[in-house]
Amino acid sequence: MKWSHCGTGDPPKSVSVSISPSGEIVECSSVTLTCSSDGNPPVKIYIWFKEGGTSPVGSRNRYSIISITADHTGLYYCEAQNDHGKRRSTAVQINVKYPPKSVSVSISPSGEIVEGSSVTLTCSSDGYPPVKIYTWFKEGGTSPVGSGHSYSIISITADHTGLYYCEAQNDHGALNGTVMVSVKSRW
């Protein structure tokens, strides 16, 4: 009786992803994801995916993102494949930190502002981490007129007419948004 040795092997058993550098990922920096796996025979095909995407984003054991942007935020995983099968890694989260990119200022109530009435200016912004410091200025002034997400003017007068701006700031930068306040005389 003749014995023959058939090729044996296993699909990848464990697949893991590491991120370099570790720690905070700031916009415009570079990041490399590395996929590690075992398998007999060794893994020859690596495919990278971003969760929610329809097509692969990379095809080597390392996936580098040069000059990363907020659009790269998301979950990433790799799939390792050898002649006996494939296995997917658990997903790793990339959170890209960035300064505010857009700031908008709204006035409430909207419409005509008449002397003696009250108005509230509200500042909205993006950014990651979220903006926590809002500072209000009136054009021509050197000192802030207020702080916080909104700024209220009670019993407004013609002296309040002017351009107001809100400075939205997080750990990575600041950006201004403006609004014109026009006060109409009661008489």
C-alpha atoms as a PDB file:
ATOM      1  CA  MET A   1       0.000   0.000   0.000  1.00  0.00           C
ATOM      2  CA  LYS A   2       1.309   3.367  -0.984  1.00  0.00           C
ATOM      3  CA  TRP A   3       0.858   6.344   1.305  1.00  0.00           C
ATOM      4  CA  SER A   4       0.734   9.804  -0.117  1.00  0.00           C
ATOM      5  CA  HIS A   5       1.050  13.023   1.783  1.00  0.00           C
ATOM      6  CA  CYS A   6      -1.614  15.504   0.720  1.00  0.00           C
ATOM      7  CA  GLY A   7      -1.004  19.200   1.241  1.00  0.00           C
ATOM      8  CA  THR A   8      -2.323  20.241   4.626  1.00  0.00           C
ATOM      9  CA  GLY A   9      -2.748  23.637   6.106  1.00  0.00           C
ATOM     10  CA  ASP A  10      -5.077  26.006   7.829  1.00  0.00           C
ATOM     11  CA  PRO A  11      -6.705  29.299   7.012  1.00  0.00           C
ATOM     12  CA  PRO A  12      -5.443  32.251   9.070  1.00  0.00           C
ATOM     13  CA  LYS A  13      -6.390  31.670  12.715  1.00  0.00           C
ATOM     14  CA  SER A  14      -5.935  35.096  14.213  1.00  0.00           C
ATOM     15  CA  VAL A  15      -5.873  38.408  12.405  1.00  0.00           C
ATOM     16  CA  SER A  16      -5.107  41.638  14.236  1.00  0.00           C
ATOM     17  CA  VAL A  17      -4.588  45.290  13.338  1.00  0.00           C
ATOM     18  CA  SER A  18      -2.220  47.788  14.931  1.00  0.00           C
ATOM     19  CA  ILE A  19      -2.119  51.574  14.399  1.00  0.00           C
ATOM     20  CA  SER A  20       1.063  53.618  14.178  1.00  0.00           C
ATOM     21  CA  PRO A  21       1.648  56.051  15.677  1.00  0.00           C
ATOM     22  CA  SER A  22      -0.540  55.088  18.607  1.00  0.00           C
ATOM     23  CA  GLY A  23      -2.441  57.807  20.434  1.00  0.00           C
ATOM     24  CA  GLU A  24      -3.987  60.989  19.095  1.00  0.00           C
ATOM     25  CA  ILE A  25      -4.524  61.233  15.323  1.00  0.00           C
ATOM     26  CA  VAL A  26      -4.511  64.836  14.143  1.00  0.00           C
ATOM     27  CA  GLU A  27      -5.594  66.077  10.727  1.00  0.00           C
ATOM     28  CA  CYS A  28      -2.734  66.323   8.167  1.00  0.00           C
ATOM     29  CA  SER A  29      -0.633  63.716  10.011  1.00  0.00           C
ATOM     30  CA  SER A  30       0.111  60.256   8.588  1.00  0.00           C
ATOM     31  CA  VAL A  31      -1.152  56.938   9.938  1.00  0.00           C
ATOM     32  CA  THR A  32      -0.218  53.354   9.119  1.00  0.00           C
ATOM     33  CA  LEU A  33      -2.421  50.346   9.869  1.00  0.00           C
ATOM     34  CA  THR A  34      -0.612  47.000   9.982  1.00  0.00           C
ATOM     35  CA  CYS A  35      -2.361  43.653   9.614  1.00  0.00           C
ATOM     36  CA  SER A  36      -0.772  40.660  11.350  1.00  0.00           C
ATOM     37  CA  SER A  37      -1.881  37.053  10.978  1.00  0.00           C
ATOM     38  CA  ASP A  38      -0.801  33.478  11.206  1.00  0.00           C
ATOM     39  CA  GLY A  39      -1.603  30.711   8.778  1.00  0.00           C
ATOM     40  CA  ASN A  40      -0.091  27.633   7.240  1.00  0.00           C
ATOM     41  CA  PRO A  41       0.773  28.314   4.466  1.00  0.00           C
ATOM     42  CA  PRO A  42       1.556  31.957   5.250  1.00  0.00           C
ATOM     43  CA  VAL A  43      -0.898  34.674   4.321  1.00  0.00           C
ATOM     44  CA  LYS A  44      -0.197  36.182   0.913  1.00  0.00           C
ATOM     45  CA  ILE A  45      -3.262  38.351   0.338  1.00  0.00           C
ATOM     46  CA  TYR A  46      -4.346  41.198   2.574  1.00  0.00           C
ATOM     47  CA  ILE A  47      -7.345  43.381   1.800  1.00  0.00           C
ATOM     48  CA  TRP A  48      -8.292  46.527   3.756  1.00  0.00           C
ATOM     49  CA  PHE A  49     -11.828  47.827   4.161  1.00  0.00           C
ATOM     50  CA  LYS A  50     -13.422  50.876   5.711  1.00  0.00           C
ATOM     51  CA  GLU A  51     -16.753  49.960   7.269  1.00  0.00           C
ATOM     52  CA  GLY A  52     -19.645  51.341   5.265  1.00  0.00           C
ATOM     53  CA  GLY A  53     -17.595  51.411   2.062  1.00  0.00           C
ATOM     54  CA  THR A  54     -18.322  49.249  -0.946  1.00  0.00           C
ATOM     55  CA  SER A  55     -14.813  48.590  -2.212  1.00  0.00           C
ATOM     56  CA  PRO A  56     -11.423  47.791  -0.662  1.00  0.00           C
ATOM     57  CA  VAL A  57      -9.178  50.702   0.370  1.00  0.00           C
ATOM     58  CA  GLY A  58      -5.866  48.791   0.398  1.00  0.00           C
ATOM     59  CA  SER A  59      -4.265  45.497  -0.661  1.00  0.00           C
ATOM     60  CA  ARG A  60      -1.054  44.946   1.345  1.00  0.00           C
ATOM     61  CA  ASN A  61      -0.385  44.040   4.954  1.00  0.00           C
ATOM     62  CA  ARG A  62       0.194  47.763   5.621  1.00  0.00           C
ATOM     63  CA  TYR A  63      -2.285  50.494   4.763  1.00  0.00           C
ATOM     64  CA  SER A  64      -0.945  54.048   5.037  1.00  0.00           C
ATOM     65  CA  ILE A  65      -2.972  57.241   4.992  1.00  0.00           C
ATOM     66  CA  ILE A  66      -0.810  60.250   4.191  1.00  0.00           C
ATOM     67  CA  SER A  67      -2.147  63.674   5.216  1.00  0.00           C
ATOM     68  CA  ILE A  68      -5.221  62.253   6.972  1.00  0.00           C
ATOM     69  CA  THR A  69      -8.486  64.244   6.998  1.00  0.00           C
ATOM     70  CA  ALA A  70     -11.756  64.122   8.927  1.00  0.00           C
ATOM     71  CA  ASP A  71     -13.195  62.056   6.040  1.00  0.00           C
ATOM     72  CA  HIS A  72     -10.917  59.189   7.093  1.00  0.00           C
ATOM     73  CA  THR A  73     -12.685  58.873  10.469  1.00  0.00           C
ATOM     74  CA  GLY A  74     -14.277  55.440  10.757  1.00  0.00           C
ATOM     75  CA  LEU A  75     -13.831  51.727  11.420  1.00  0.00           C
ATOM     76  CA  TYR A  76     -11.181  49.804   9.464  1.00  0.00           C
ATOM     77  CA  TYR A  77     -10.491  46.089   9.237  1.00  0.00           C
ATOM     78  CA  CYS A  78      -8.312  43.787   7.164  1.00  0.00           C
ATOM     79  CA  GLU A  79      -8.979  40.430   5.641  1.00  0.00           C
ATOM     80  CA  ALA A  80      -6.078  37.943   5.528  1.00  0.00           C
ATOM     81  CA  GLN A  81      -6.158  35.138   2.985  1.00  0.00           C
ATOM     82  CA  ASN A  82      -4.076  32.073   2.188  1.00  0.00           C
ATOM     83  CA  ASP A  83      -4.685  28.959   0.044  1.00  0.00           C
ATOM     84  CA  HIS A  84      -6.998  27.475   2.702  1.00  0.00           C
ATOM     85  CA  GLY A  85      -9.313  30.371   3.437  1.00  0.00           C
ATOM     86  CA  LYS A  86      -9.623  33.844   4.803  1.00  0.00           C
ATOM     87  CA  ARG A  87     -10.335  35.565   8.090  1.00  0.00           C
ATOM     88  CA  ARG A  88     -11.265  39.114   9.002  1.00  0.00           C
ATOM     89  CA  SER A  89      -9.766  41.167  11.834  1.00  0.00           C
ATOM     90  CA  THR A  90     -11.837  42.984  14.406  1.00  0.00           C
ATOM     91  CA  ALA A  91     -12.378  46.585  13.357  1.00  0.00           C
ATOM     92  CA  VAL A  92     -10.268  49.439  14.727  1.00  0.00           C
ATOM     93  CA  GLN A  93     -11.631  52.964  15.101  1.00  0.00           C
ATOM     94  CA  ILE A  94      -9.795  55.959  13.671  1.00  0.00           C
ATOM     95  CA  ASN A  95     -10.943  59.316  15.060  1.00  0.00           C
ATOM     96  CA  VAL A  96      -9.284  62.224  13.304  1.00  0.00           C
ATOM     97  CA  LYS A  97      -8.996  65.355  15.427  1.00  0.00           C
ATOM     98  CA  TYR A  98      -9.363  68.679  13.644  1.00  0.00           C
ATOM     99  CA  PRO A  99     -10.028  72.366  14.320  1.00  0.00           C
ATOM    100  CA  PRO A 100     -13.399  73.984  13.571  1.00  0.00           C
ATOM    101  CA  LYS A 101     -13.953  74.209   9.808  1.00  0.00           C
ATOM    102  CA  SER A 102     -17.266  76.034   9.675  1.00  0.00           C
ATOM    103  CA  VAL A 103     -18.904  78.385  12.154  1.00  0.00           C
ATOM    104  CA  SER A 104     -22.419  79.729  11.731  1.00  0.00           C
ATOM    105  CA  VAL A 105     -24.179  82.379  13.790  1.00  0.00           C
ATOM    106  CA  SER A 106     -27.956  82.744  14.003  1.00  0.00           C
ATOM    107  CA  ILE A 107     -30.179  85.458  15.497  1.00  0.00           C
ATOM    108  CA  SER A 108     -33.344  84.723  17.454  1.00  0.00           C
ATOM    109  CA  PRO A 109     -35.970  85.901  16.986  1.00  0.00           C
ATOM    110  CA  SER A 110     -35.344  86.338  13.280  1.00  0.00           C
ATOM    111  CA  GLY A 111     -36.670  89.359  11.436  1.00  0.00           C
ATOM    112  CA  GLU A 112     -36.625  93.031  12.347  1.00  0.00           C
ATOM    113  CA  ILE A 113     -34.905  93.994  15.608  1.00  0.00           C
ATOM    114  CA  VAL A 114     -36.602  96.940  17.322  1.00  0.00           C
ATOM    115  CA  GLU A 115     -35.123  99.000  20.171  1.00  0.00           C
ATOM    116  CA  GLY A 116     -36.185  97.676  23.553  1.00  0.00           C
ATOM    117  CA  SER A 117     -36.536  94.080  22.382  1.00  0.00           C
ATOM    118  CA  SER A 118     -34.184  91.224  23.251  1.00  0.00           C
ATOM    119  CA  VAL A 119     -32.139  89.058  20.906  1.00  0.00           C
ATOM    120  CA  THR A 120     -30.009  85.961  21.284  1.00  0.00           C
ATOM    121  CA  LEU A 121     -27.063  85.163  19.019  1.00  0.00           C
ATOM    122  CA  THR A 122     -26.228  81.462  18.793  1.00  0.00           C
ATOM    123  CA  CYS A 123     -22.979  79.993  17.523  1.00  0.00           C
ATOM    124  CA  SER A 124     -22.721  76.538  15.910  1.00  0.00           C
ATOM    125  CA  SER A 125     -19.559  74.791  14.815  1.00  0.00           C
ATOM    126  CA  ASP A 126     -18.026  71.495  13.865  1.00  0.00           C
ATOM    127  CA  GLY A 127     -14.611  70.238  14.987  1.00  0.00           C
ATOM    128  CA  TYR A 128     -13.293  67.189  16.807  1.00  0.00           C
ATOM    129  CA  PRO A 129     -13.104  67.148  19.706  1.00  0.00           C
ATOM    130  CA  PRO A 130     -16.273  69.256  19.847  1.00  0.00           C
ATOM    131  CA  VAL A 131     -15.886  72.992  20.379  1.00  0.00           C
ATOM    132  CA  LYS A 132     -16.194  73.910  24.057  1.00  0.00           C
ATOM    133  CA  ILE A 133     -14.963  77.505  24.042  1.00  0.00           C
ATOM    134  CA  TYR A 134     -17.099  80.156  22.373  1.00  0.00           C
ATOM    135  CA  THR A 135     -16.109  83.822  22.722  1.00  0.00           C
ATOM    136  CA  TRP A 136     -18.200  86.759  21.432  1.00  0.00           C
ATOM    137  CA  PHE A 137     -16.827  90.044  20.092  1.00  0.00           C
ATOM    138  CA  LYS A 138     -18.304  93.175  18.534  1.00  0.00           C
ATOM    139  CA  GLU A 139     -16.368  94.634  15.618  1.00  0.00           C
ATOM    140  CA  GLY A 140     -14.320  97.618  16.712  1.00  0.00           C
ATOM    141  CA  GLY A 141     -14.053  96.434  20.309  1.00  0.00           C
ATOM    142  CA  THR A 142     -10.939  94.994  21.879  1.00  0.00           C
ATOM    143  CA  SER A 143     -12.527  92.979  24.674  1.00  0.00           C
ATOM    144  CA  PRO A 144     -14.975  90.086  24.437  1.00  0.00           C
ATOM    145  CA  VAL A 145     -18.640  90.984  24.983  1.00  0.00           C
ATOM    146  CA  GLY A 146     -19.625  87.486  26.036  1.00  0.00           C
ATOM    147  CA  SER A 147     -18.796  83.804  26.171  1.00  0.00           C
ATOM    148  CA  GLY A 148     -20.636  80.543  25.702  1.00  0.00           C
ATOM    149  CA  HIS A 149     -22.654  78.909  22.939  1.00  0.00           C
ATOM    150  CA  SER A 150     -25.108  81.848  22.880  1.00  0.00           C
ATOM    151  CA  TYR A 151     -25.010  85.569  23.673  1.00  0.00           C
ATOM    152  CA  SER A 152     -28.138  87.525  24.642  1.00  0.00           C
ATOM    153  CA  ILE A 153     -28.708  91.266  24.429  1.00  0.00           C
ATOM    154  CA  ILE A 154     -31.571  92.359  26.681  1.00  0.00           C
ATOM    155  CA  SER A 155     -33.375  95.646  25.965  1.00  0.00           C
ATOM    156  CA  ILE A 156     -31.363  96.331  22.811  1.00  0.00           C
ATOM    157  CA  THR A 157     -30.530  99.903  21.717  1.00  0.00           C
ATOM    158  CA  ALA A 158     -29.193 101.498  18.524  1.00  0.00           C
ATOM    159  CA  ASP A 159     -25.725 101.379  20.117  1.00  0.00           C
ATOM    160  CA  HIS A 160     -25.848  97.601  19.750  1.00  0.00           C
ATOM    161  CA  THR A 161     -25.960  97.865  15.939  1.00  0.00           C
ATOM    162  CA  GLY A 162     -22.866  96.328  14.375  1.00  0.00           C
ATOM    163  CA  LEU A 163     -21.055  93.218  13.245  1.00  0.00           C
ATOM    164  CA  TYR A 164     -20.709  90.526  15.915  1.00  0.00           C
ATOM    165  CA  TYR A 165     -18.500  87.526  15.659  1.00  0.00           C
ATOM    166  CA  CYS A 166     -18.192  84.307  17.529  1.00  0.00           C
ATOM    167  CA  GLU A 167     -14.821  82.602  17.921  1.00  0.00           C
ATOM    168  CA  ALA A 168     -15.224  78.815  18.192  1.00  0.00           C
ATOM    169  CA  GLN A 169     -12.188  77.028  19.650  1.00  0.00           C
ATOM    170  CA  ASN A 170     -11.139  73.474  20.423  1.00  0.00           C
ATOM    171  CA  ASP A 171      -7.739  71.919  21.223  1.00  0.00           C
ATOM    172  CA  HIS A 172      -6.672  72.110  17.569  1.00  0.00           C
ATOM    173  CA  GLY A 173      -7.579  75.628  16.497  1.00  0.00           C
ATOM    174  CA  ALA A 174     -10.176  78.371  16.245  1.00  0.00           C
ATOM    175  CA  LEU A 175     -12.447  79.891  13.595  1.00  0.00           C
ATOM    176  CA  ASN A 176     -14.807  82.873  13.518  1.00  0.00           C
ATOM    177  CA  GLY A 177     -18.381  83.250  12.331  1.00  0.00           C
ATOM    178  CA  THR A 178     -20.094  86.636  11.924  1.00  0.00           C
ATOM    179  CA  VAL A 179     -23.567  88.143  11.962  1.00  0.00           C
ATOM    180  CA  MET A 180     -24.816  91.692  11.418  1.00  0.00           C
ATOM    181  CA  VAL A 181     -27.158  93.120  14.066  1.00  0.00           C
ATOM    182  CA  SER A 182     -29.248  96.049  12.818  1.00  0.00           C
ATOM    183  CA  VAL A 183     -31.444  97.766  15.398  1.00  0.00           C
ATOM    184  CA  LYS A 184     -34.414  99.783  14.164  1.00  0.00           C
ATOM    185  CA  SER A 185     -35.505 102.827  16.118  1.00  0.00           C
ATOM    186  CA  ARG A 186     -38.909 102.601  17.786  1.00  0.00           C
ATOM    187  CA  TRP A 187     -39.817 106.100  16.631  1.00  0.00           C
END
